[in-house]
N, C-alpha and C. Protein backbone atom coordinates (compact mmCIF):
# COMPACT_ATOMS: atom_id res chain seq x y z
N MET A 1 13.80 12.53 9.92
CA MET A 1 14.95 11.65 9.90
C MET A 1 15.57 11.61 11.29
N ASN A 2 15.74 10.41 11.81
CA ASN A 2 16.39 10.21 13.11
C ASN A 2 17.90 10.26 12.94
N THR A 3 18.58 10.57 14.03
CA THR A 3 20.04 10.47 14.08
C THR A 3 20.37 9.52 15.21
N PHE A 4 21.14 8.49 14.88
CA PHE A 4 21.51 7.47 15.85
C PHE A 4 22.96 7.67 16.26
N LEU A 5 23.17 7.88 17.54
CA LEU A 5 24.53 8.02 18.07
C LEU A 5 25.05 6.64 18.43
N ILE A 6 26.21 6.31 17.88
CA ILE A 6 26.85 5.04 18.20
C ILE A 6 28.22 5.33 18.79
N GLY A 7 28.77 4.34 19.47
CA GLY A 7 30.11 4.49 20.02
C GLY A 7 30.29 3.63 21.24
N MET A 8 31.51 3.63 21.70
CA MET A 8 31.89 2.83 22.86
C MET A 8 31.21 3.33 24.12
N PRO A 9 31.12 2.46 25.13
CA PRO A 9 30.68 2.94 26.44
C PRO A 9 31.61 4.07 26.89
N GLY A 10 31.02 5.17 27.33
CA GLY A 10 31.81 6.31 27.78
C GLY A 10 32.09 7.33 26.69
N SER A 11 31.59 7.09 25.49
CA SER A 11 31.85 8.04 24.39
C SER A 11 31.02 9.31 24.51
N GLY A 12 29.96 9.27 25.33
CA GLY A 12 29.17 10.47 25.57
C GLY A 12 27.79 10.47 24.95
N LYS A 13 27.33 9.34 24.45
CA LYS A 13 26.05 9.28 23.75
C LYS A 13 24.89 9.78 24.61
N THR A 14 24.75 9.22 25.79
CA THR A 14 23.64 9.60 26.67
C THR A 14 23.77 11.04 27.14
N THR A 15 24.96 11.45 27.49
CA THR A 15 25.18 12.82 27.94
C THR A 15 24.81 13.82 26.85
N VAL A 16 25.19 13.52 25.61
CA VAL A 16 24.90 14.41 24.49
C VAL A 16 23.40 14.49 24.22
N ILE A 17 22.68 13.36 24.25
CA ILE A 17 21.24 13.46 23.97
C ILE A 17 20.52 14.20 25.09
N ASP A 18 20.97 14.02 26.33
CA ASP A 18 20.34 14.76 27.43
C ASP A 18 20.54 16.26 27.27
N LEU A 19 21.74 16.68 26.89
CA LEU A 19 22.01 18.10 26.65
C LEU A 19 21.18 18.60 25.47
N TYR A 20 21.11 17.82 24.41
CA TYR A 20 20.33 18.17 23.23
C TYR A 20 18.87 18.42 23.61
N GLU A 21 18.32 17.54 24.42
CA GLU A 21 16.92 17.70 24.84
C GLU A 21 16.73 18.97 25.65
N SER A 22 17.67 19.25 26.56
CA SER A 22 17.52 20.43 27.42
C SER A 22 17.69 21.74 26.65
N ILE A 23 18.51 21.74 25.61
CA ILE A 23 18.74 22.95 24.84
C ILE A 23 17.69 23.12 23.75
N CYS A 24 17.41 22.06 23.02
CA CYS A 24 16.55 22.16 21.83
C CYS A 24 15.11 21.77 22.08
N HIS A 25 14.86 21.11 23.19
CA HIS A 25 13.51 20.64 23.50
C HIS A 25 12.95 19.79 22.37
N LYS A 26 13.79 18.95 21.80
CA LYS A 26 13.41 18.03 20.73
C LYS A 26 13.37 16.62 21.29
N GLN A 27 12.79 15.73 20.53
CA GLN A 27 12.62 14.34 20.96
C GLN A 27 13.96 13.61 21.01
N ILE A 28 14.16 12.90 22.11
CA ILE A 28 15.33 12.03 22.25
C ILE A 28 14.86 10.65 22.69
N TYR A 29 15.69 9.66 22.40
CA TYR A 29 15.45 8.31 22.90
C TYR A 29 16.80 7.72 23.30
N ASP A 30 16.75 6.89 24.32
CA ASP A 30 17.94 6.16 24.77
C ASP A 30 17.55 4.69 24.83
N THR A 31 18.15 3.87 23.96
CA THR A 31 17.72 2.47 23.89
C THR A 31 17.95 1.75 25.21
N ASP A 32 19.04 2.03 25.90
CA ASP A 32 19.28 1.38 27.19
C ASP A 32 18.22 1.79 28.23
N ALA A 33 17.82 3.06 28.20
CA ALA A 33 16.79 3.53 29.13
C ALA A 33 15.45 2.84 28.85
N PHE A 34 15.12 2.65 27.57
CA PHE A 34 13.89 1.91 27.21
C PHE A 34 13.93 0.52 27.83
N ILE A 35 15.06 -0.16 27.63
CA ILE A 35 15.19 -1.54 28.12
C ILE A 35 15.08 -1.57 29.64
N THR A 36 15.76 -0.67 30.31
CA THR A 36 15.74 -0.63 31.77
C THR A 36 14.33 -0.36 32.29
N SER A 37 13.62 0.56 31.65
CA SER A 37 12.28 0.90 32.14
C SER A 37 11.30 -0.26 31.97
N ARG A 38 11.54 -1.11 30.99
CA ARG A 38 10.61 -2.21 30.71
C ARG A 38 11.04 -3.55 31.30
N HIS A 39 12.33 -3.76 31.43
CA HIS A 39 12.83 -5.09 31.80
C HIS A 39 13.74 -5.10 33.01
N GLY A 40 14.04 -3.93 33.57
CA GLY A 40 14.89 -3.86 34.75
C GLY A 40 16.36 -3.61 34.43
N ASP A 41 17.16 -3.74 35.44
CA ASP A 41 18.58 -3.43 35.39
C ASP A 41 19.31 -4.24 34.31
N ILE A 42 20.14 -3.56 33.54
CA ILE A 42 20.87 -4.22 32.45
C ILE A 42 21.83 -5.26 32.99
N ASN A 43 22.51 -4.96 34.09
CA ASN A 43 23.40 -5.97 34.69
C ASN A 43 22.63 -7.25 35.03
N ALA A 44 21.43 -7.09 35.58
CA ALA A 44 20.62 -8.25 35.93
C ALA A 44 20.18 -9.02 34.68
N ILE A 45 19.84 -8.30 33.63
CA ILE A 45 19.45 -8.97 32.38
C ILE A 45 20.62 -9.81 31.86
N PHE A 46 21.80 -9.22 31.85
CA PHE A 46 22.98 -9.95 31.39
C PHE A 46 23.25 -11.18 32.25
N SER A 47 23.19 -11.01 33.58
CA SER A 47 23.52 -12.14 34.45
C SER A 47 22.43 -13.22 34.45
N ASP A 48 21.17 -12.81 34.34
CA ASP A 48 20.07 -13.78 34.39
C ASP A 48 19.81 -14.45 33.04
N TYR A 49 19.96 -13.70 31.95
CA TYR A 49 19.55 -14.21 30.64
C TYR A 49 20.65 -14.22 29.58
N GLY A 50 21.73 -13.48 29.82
CA GLY A 50 22.84 -13.46 28.86
C GLY A 50 22.78 -12.31 27.88
N GLU A 51 23.89 -12.12 27.20
CA GLU A 51 24.01 -11.00 26.27
C GLU A 51 23.08 -11.15 25.07
N GLU A 52 22.93 -12.35 24.55
CA GLU A 52 22.10 -12.54 23.35
C GLU A 52 20.65 -12.11 23.62
N TYR A 53 20.13 -12.44 24.78
CA TYR A 53 18.78 -12.02 25.15
C TYR A 53 18.70 -10.50 25.20
N PHE A 54 19.71 -9.88 25.81
CA PHE A 54 19.75 -8.41 25.86
C PHE A 54 19.75 -7.83 24.46
N ARG A 55 20.53 -8.40 23.55
CA ARG A 55 20.61 -7.90 22.17
C ARG A 55 19.26 -8.04 21.47
N GLU A 56 18.50 -9.08 21.79
CA GLU A 56 17.16 -9.22 21.23
C GLU A 56 16.24 -8.10 21.72
N LEU A 57 16.30 -7.82 23.01
CA LEU A 57 15.51 -6.71 23.56
C LEU A 57 15.90 -5.40 22.90
N GLU A 58 17.20 -5.21 22.72
CA GLU A 58 17.72 -3.99 22.11
C GLU A 58 17.17 -3.82 20.68
N THR A 59 17.17 -4.89 19.90
CA THR A 59 16.65 -4.83 18.54
C THR A 59 15.16 -4.51 18.54
N GLU A 60 14.40 -5.08 19.46
CA GLU A 60 12.97 -4.76 19.58
C GLU A 60 12.77 -3.27 19.83
N VAL A 61 13.56 -2.71 20.72
CA VAL A 61 13.45 -1.29 21.05
C VAL A 61 13.82 -0.44 19.84
N ILE A 62 14.87 -0.81 19.14
CA ILE A 62 15.29 -0.06 17.95
C ILE A 62 14.20 -0.09 16.89
N ARG A 63 13.60 -1.25 16.67
CA ARG A 63 12.48 -1.35 15.72
C ARG A 63 11.35 -0.39 16.11
N GLU A 64 11.04 -0.40 17.40
CA GLU A 64 9.96 0.46 17.89
C GLU A 64 10.28 1.93 17.66
N ILE A 65 11.46 2.37 18.04
CA ILE A 65 11.85 3.77 17.88
C ILE A 65 11.81 4.16 16.40
N CYS A 66 12.30 3.29 15.54
CA CYS A 66 12.29 3.58 14.10
C CYS A 66 10.88 3.69 13.55
N SER A 67 9.93 3.01 14.17
CA SER A 67 8.54 3.06 13.69
C SER A 67 7.84 4.37 14.03
N TYR A 68 8.39 5.14 14.97
CA TYR A 68 7.75 6.38 15.39
C TYR A 68 7.78 7.45 14.30
N GLY A 69 8.80 7.42 13.46
CA GLY A 69 8.90 8.42 12.40
C GLY A 69 9.31 9.79 12.89
N ASP A 70 9.84 9.89 14.09
CA ASP A 70 10.25 11.18 14.64
C ASP A 70 11.53 11.68 14.00
N ASP A 71 11.78 12.95 14.21
CA ASP A 71 13.07 13.54 13.89
C ASP A 71 13.80 13.62 15.23
N ALA A 72 14.26 12.46 15.70
CA ALA A 72 14.79 12.36 17.05
C ALA A 72 16.29 12.08 17.04
N LEU A 73 16.91 12.39 18.17
CA LEU A 73 18.30 12.01 18.41
C LEU A 73 18.26 10.81 19.34
N VAL A 74 18.91 9.72 18.93
CA VAL A 74 18.81 8.45 19.63
C VAL A 74 20.18 7.99 20.10
N SER A 75 20.29 7.71 21.38
CA SER A 75 21.50 7.11 21.94
C SER A 75 21.31 5.60 21.93
N THR A 76 22.26 4.91 21.32
CA THR A 76 22.17 3.45 21.25
C THR A 76 23.19 2.82 22.18
N GLY A 77 22.95 1.58 22.55
CA GLY A 77 23.93 0.84 23.32
C GLY A 77 25.18 0.62 22.48
N GLY A 78 26.32 0.51 23.14
CA GLY A 78 27.58 0.37 22.43
C GLY A 78 27.65 -0.80 21.49
N GLY A 79 26.91 -1.87 21.79
CA GLY A 79 26.95 -3.06 20.95
C GLY A 79 25.83 -3.15 19.93
N ALA A 80 25.01 -2.13 19.82
CA ALA A 80 23.86 -2.18 18.91
C ALA A 80 24.28 -2.44 17.46
N VAL A 81 25.44 -1.94 17.07
CA VAL A 81 25.88 -2.10 15.67
C VAL A 81 26.37 -3.51 15.37
N LEU A 82 26.45 -4.36 16.38
CA LEU A 82 26.91 -5.73 16.16
C LEU A 82 25.88 -6.56 15.41
N ARG A 83 24.65 -6.11 15.42
CA ARG A 83 23.59 -6.79 14.67
C ARG A 83 23.32 -6.03 13.38
N GLU A 84 23.46 -6.73 12.27
CA GLU A 84 23.23 -6.11 10.96
C GLU A 84 21.82 -5.55 10.84
N GLU A 85 20.86 -6.24 11.44
CA GLU A 85 19.48 -5.75 11.39
C GLU A 85 19.36 -4.36 11.99
N ASN A 86 20.05 -4.12 13.10
CA ASN A 86 20.01 -2.80 13.73
C ASN A 86 20.58 -1.73 12.80
N VAL A 87 21.70 -2.04 12.19
CA VAL A 87 22.33 -1.08 11.27
C VAL A 87 21.40 -0.79 10.10
N ARG A 88 20.75 -1.80 9.56
CA ARG A 88 19.78 -1.59 8.48
C ARG A 88 18.64 -0.68 8.93
N LEU A 89 18.15 -0.91 10.15
CA LEU A 89 17.08 -0.06 10.69
C LEU A 89 17.55 1.38 10.86
N PHE A 90 18.77 1.56 11.36
CA PHE A 90 19.32 2.91 11.52
C PHE A 90 19.37 3.62 10.17
N LYS A 91 19.92 2.94 9.18
CA LYS A 91 20.11 3.55 7.85
C LYS A 91 18.76 3.86 7.19
N LYS A 92 17.80 2.98 7.38
CA LYS A 92 16.48 3.19 6.78
C LYS A 92 15.75 4.36 7.44
N SER A 93 15.98 4.56 8.73
CA SER A 93 15.26 5.57 9.50
C SER A 93 16.01 6.89 9.64
N GLY A 94 17.27 6.92 9.21
CA GLY A 94 18.01 8.17 9.38
C GLY A 94 19.49 8.03 9.10
N GLU A 95 20.28 8.62 9.97
CA GLU A 95 21.73 8.63 9.80
C GLU A 95 22.41 8.15 11.07
N ILE A 96 23.68 7.78 10.92
CA ILE A 96 24.45 7.25 12.05
C ILE A 96 25.64 8.18 12.29
N VAL A 97 25.77 8.63 13.54
CA VAL A 97 26.90 9.46 13.94
C VAL A 97 27.69 8.70 15.00
N TYR A 98 28.96 8.50 14.71
CA TYR A 98 29.87 7.78 15.61
C TYR A 98 30.58 8.80 16.49
N LEU A 99 30.37 8.70 17.80
CA LEU A 99 31.11 9.50 18.77
C LEU A 99 32.35 8.70 19.14
N ARG A 100 33.48 9.11 18.58
CA ARG A 100 34.73 8.36 18.73
C ARG A 100 35.59 8.98 19.82
N ALA A 101 36.19 8.11 20.63
CA ALA A 101 37.10 8.56 21.69
C ALA A 101 38.19 7.51 21.87
N ARG A 102 39.35 7.98 22.30
CA ARG A 102 40.47 7.07 22.58
C ARG A 102 40.19 6.30 23.88
N ILE A 103 40.87 5.19 24.03
CA ILE A 103 40.65 4.34 25.19
C ILE A 103 40.94 5.08 26.50
N ASP A 104 42.01 5.87 26.56
CA ASP A 104 42.31 6.58 27.81
C ASP A 104 41.19 7.57 28.17
N THR A 105 40.58 8.19 27.16
CA THR A 105 39.44 9.09 27.40
C THR A 105 38.26 8.29 27.95
N LEU A 106 37.98 7.16 27.32
CA LEU A 106 36.86 6.33 27.77
C LEU A 106 37.07 5.86 29.20
N LEU A 107 38.29 5.42 29.53
CA LEU A 107 38.59 4.96 30.89
C LEU A 107 38.37 6.08 31.90
N ASN A 108 38.81 7.27 31.58
CA ASN A 108 38.61 8.41 32.50
C ASN A 108 37.12 8.68 32.71
N ARG A 109 36.36 8.63 31.64
CA ARG A 109 34.92 8.90 31.75
C ARG A 109 34.18 7.81 32.50
N LEU A 110 34.68 6.59 32.44
CA LEU A 110 34.00 5.45 33.06
C LEU A 110 34.50 5.13 34.47
N GLU A 111 35.41 5.93 34.96
CA GLU A 111 35.96 5.69 36.29
C GLU A 111 34.84 5.67 37.33
N GLY A 112 34.78 4.61 38.10
CA GLY A 112 33.77 4.47 39.14
C GLY A 112 32.41 3.98 38.65
N ASP A 113 32.26 3.76 37.35
CA ASP A 113 30.99 3.30 36.78
C ASP A 113 30.97 1.77 36.80
N SER A 114 30.04 1.20 37.54
CA SER A 114 29.92 -0.26 37.62
C SER A 114 28.64 -0.76 36.95
N SER A 115 28.02 0.09 36.14
CA SER A 115 26.73 -0.25 35.55
C SER A 115 26.84 -0.95 34.20
N ARG A 116 28.05 -1.25 33.76
CA ARG A 116 28.23 -1.81 32.42
C ARG A 116 28.75 -3.24 32.50
N PRO A 117 27.87 -4.20 32.25
CA PRO A 117 28.22 -5.60 32.47
C PRO A 117 29.38 -6.10 31.61
N LEU A 118 29.55 -5.58 30.43
CA LEU A 118 30.65 -6.05 29.57
C LEU A 118 32.01 -5.49 30.01
N LEU A 119 32.01 -4.59 30.98
CA LEU A 119 33.26 -4.04 31.48
C LEU A 119 33.60 -4.51 32.89
N ALA A 120 32.88 -5.51 33.37
CA ALA A 120 33.14 -6.03 34.72
C ALA A 120 34.52 -6.68 34.75
N GLY A 121 35.19 -6.51 35.86
CA GLY A 121 36.54 -7.07 36.00
C GLY A 121 37.57 -6.01 35.68
N ASP A 122 38.61 -6.39 34.96
CA ASP A 122 39.66 -5.47 34.56
C ASP A 122 39.13 -4.55 33.46
N LYS A 123 38.69 -3.35 33.87
CA LYS A 123 38.00 -2.45 32.96
C LYS A 123 38.86 -2.08 31.75
N LYS A 124 40.15 -1.81 31.98
CA LYS A 124 41.01 -1.42 30.86
C LYS A 124 41.15 -2.56 29.86
N GLU A 125 41.36 -3.76 30.35
CA GLU A 125 41.49 -4.92 29.46
C GLU A 125 40.20 -5.16 28.69
N ARG A 126 39.08 -5.12 29.39
CA ARG A 126 37.78 -5.38 28.75
C ARG A 126 37.44 -4.29 27.73
N LEU A 127 37.71 -3.04 28.11
CA LEU A 127 37.42 -1.93 27.21
C LEU A 127 38.30 -2.00 25.96
N THR A 128 39.56 -2.33 26.14
CA THR A 128 40.48 -2.46 25.00
C THR A 128 40.01 -3.56 24.06
N LYS A 129 39.57 -4.67 24.61
CA LYS A 129 39.08 -5.79 23.78
C LYS A 129 37.83 -5.36 23.01
N LEU A 130 36.88 -4.71 23.69
CA LEU A 130 35.67 -4.23 23.02
C LEU A 130 36.03 -3.23 21.92
N TYR A 131 36.96 -2.34 22.22
CA TYR A 131 37.37 -1.32 21.25
C TYR A 131 37.94 -1.99 20.00
N GLU A 132 38.78 -2.98 20.21
CA GLU A 132 39.38 -3.69 19.08
C GLU A 132 38.32 -4.41 18.24
N GLU A 133 37.29 -4.92 18.90
CA GLU A 133 36.22 -5.63 18.20
C GLU A 133 35.27 -4.68 17.46
N ARG A 134 35.07 -3.48 18.00
CA ARG A 134 34.00 -2.62 17.50
C ARG A 134 34.43 -1.40 16.70
N ALA A 135 35.61 -0.88 16.94
CA ALA A 135 35.99 0.41 16.34
C ALA A 135 35.84 0.40 14.82
N ARG A 136 36.30 -0.64 14.17
CA ARG A 136 36.22 -0.72 12.71
C ARG A 136 34.75 -0.77 12.25
N ILE A 137 33.92 -1.48 13.00
CA ILE A 137 32.49 -1.54 12.65
C ILE A 137 31.87 -0.15 12.75
N TYR A 138 32.15 0.54 13.86
CA TYR A 138 31.62 1.90 14.02
C TYR A 138 32.01 2.78 12.84
N GLU A 139 33.28 2.73 12.48
CA GLU A 139 33.77 3.57 11.39
C GLU A 139 33.12 3.21 10.06
N CYS A 140 32.91 1.93 9.82
CA CYS A 140 32.33 1.49 8.55
C CYS A 140 30.86 1.86 8.40
N VAL A 141 30.10 1.82 9.47
CA VAL A 141 28.66 2.08 9.36
C VAL A 141 28.29 3.55 9.54
N ALA A 142 29.20 4.34 10.09
CA ALA A 142 28.89 5.74 10.40
C ALA A 142 28.77 6.59 9.15
N ASP A 143 27.79 7.47 9.18
CA ASP A 143 27.68 8.49 8.13
C ASP A 143 28.57 9.69 8.45
N PHE A 144 28.85 9.86 9.73
CA PHE A 144 29.67 10.99 10.19
C PHE A 144 30.34 10.59 11.49
N ILE A 145 31.56 11.08 11.71
CA ILE A 145 32.31 10.77 12.92
C ILE A 145 32.65 12.07 13.63
N ILE A 146 32.40 12.10 14.93
CA ILE A 146 32.80 13.23 15.78
C ILE A 146 33.80 12.69 16.80
N ASP A 147 35.01 13.21 16.76
CA ASP A 147 36.01 12.84 17.77
C ASP A 147 35.72 13.64 19.03
N THR A 148 35.51 12.93 20.13
CA THR A 148 35.07 13.58 21.37
C THR A 148 36.18 13.80 22.38
N ASP A 149 37.39 13.32 22.09
CA ASP A 149 38.50 13.51 23.03
C ASP A 149 38.70 14.99 23.31
N GLY A 150 38.75 15.33 24.59
CA GLY A 150 39.02 16.71 24.99
C GLY A 150 37.87 17.66 24.78
N LEU A 151 36.72 17.17 24.37
CA LEU A 151 35.56 18.03 24.14
C LEU A 151 34.55 17.89 25.27
N THR A 152 33.89 18.99 25.58
CA THR A 152 32.77 18.94 26.51
C THR A 152 31.55 18.43 25.73
N PRO A 153 30.52 17.97 26.43
CA PRO A 153 29.29 17.57 25.72
C PRO A 153 28.73 18.70 24.86
N ARG A 154 28.82 19.92 25.34
CA ARG A 154 28.33 21.07 24.56
C ARG A 154 29.13 21.23 23.26
N GLU A 155 30.44 21.03 23.32
CA GLU A 155 31.28 21.13 22.12
C GLU A 155 30.97 20.00 21.13
N VAL A 156 30.68 18.82 21.65
CA VAL A 156 30.28 17.71 20.78
C VAL A 156 28.98 18.06 20.07
N LEU A 157 28.05 18.60 20.81
CA LEU A 157 26.77 18.99 20.23
C LEU A 157 26.96 20.10 19.19
N GLN A 158 27.88 21.03 19.44
CA GLN A 158 28.17 22.08 18.45
C GLN A 158 28.69 21.47 17.15
N LYS A 159 29.56 20.47 17.27
CA LYS A 159 30.07 19.79 16.06
C LYS A 159 28.92 19.10 15.32
N PHE A 160 28.00 18.54 16.08
CA PHE A 160 26.83 17.90 15.50
C PHE A 160 26.02 18.91 14.69
N PHE A 161 25.76 20.08 15.30
CA PHE A 161 24.98 21.11 14.60
C PHE A 161 25.75 21.68 13.41
N MET A 162 27.04 21.88 13.54
CA MET A 162 27.84 22.40 12.43
C MET A 162 27.77 21.46 11.24
N ARG A 163 27.83 20.17 11.50
CA ARG A 163 27.74 19.16 10.44
C ARG A 163 26.40 19.28 9.74
N ARG A 164 25.35 19.46 10.49
CA ARG A 164 24.01 19.58 9.88
C ARG A 164 23.89 20.85 9.05
N GLU A 165 24.43 21.95 9.57
CA GLU A 165 24.35 23.22 8.83
C GLU A 165 25.15 23.17 7.54
N GLU A 166 26.26 22.45 7.55
CA GLU A 166 27.11 22.35 6.36
C GLU A 166 26.57 21.31 5.39
N GLY A 167 25.55 20.56 5.82
CA GLY A 167 24.96 19.57 4.95
C GLY A 167 25.83 18.36 4.71
N ILE A 168 26.70 18.10 5.66
CA ILE A 168 27.61 16.94 5.54
C ILE A 168 26.88 15.68 5.89
């Protein structure tokens, strides 16, 4: 059974899977990394082809990862849950864990990061708008929620393991 990490940009999805891999030596996947390795820079994809094209690539990658049948931890792009097909694939292949953080936490974590095309311009305004659009979706589709405010990546991972041990 795979575990899919969902959440806003800056919630810690990629950082957590990297730590998980280094500690547990288990399989991880990062949907954005798959896309970048095959199609180039995400900013360029957005500017050259648009968000809808990127979302199509993202769904292709999610389908592929789900077909592997691994017991992997998967970091998804922040907007992956916007497509119902992706959510269905997540649920069919495993569970969904929402890494939730407040906007001020996300802004602090994203300071100086220019790699996120949907946050170009006024980062606080854009992030707030995305949060308002997505937070309820994340909460509705998640099997489990980990609040990451004030936690280190290691502490987030500990909460992840505690949840598994308790069978939640």
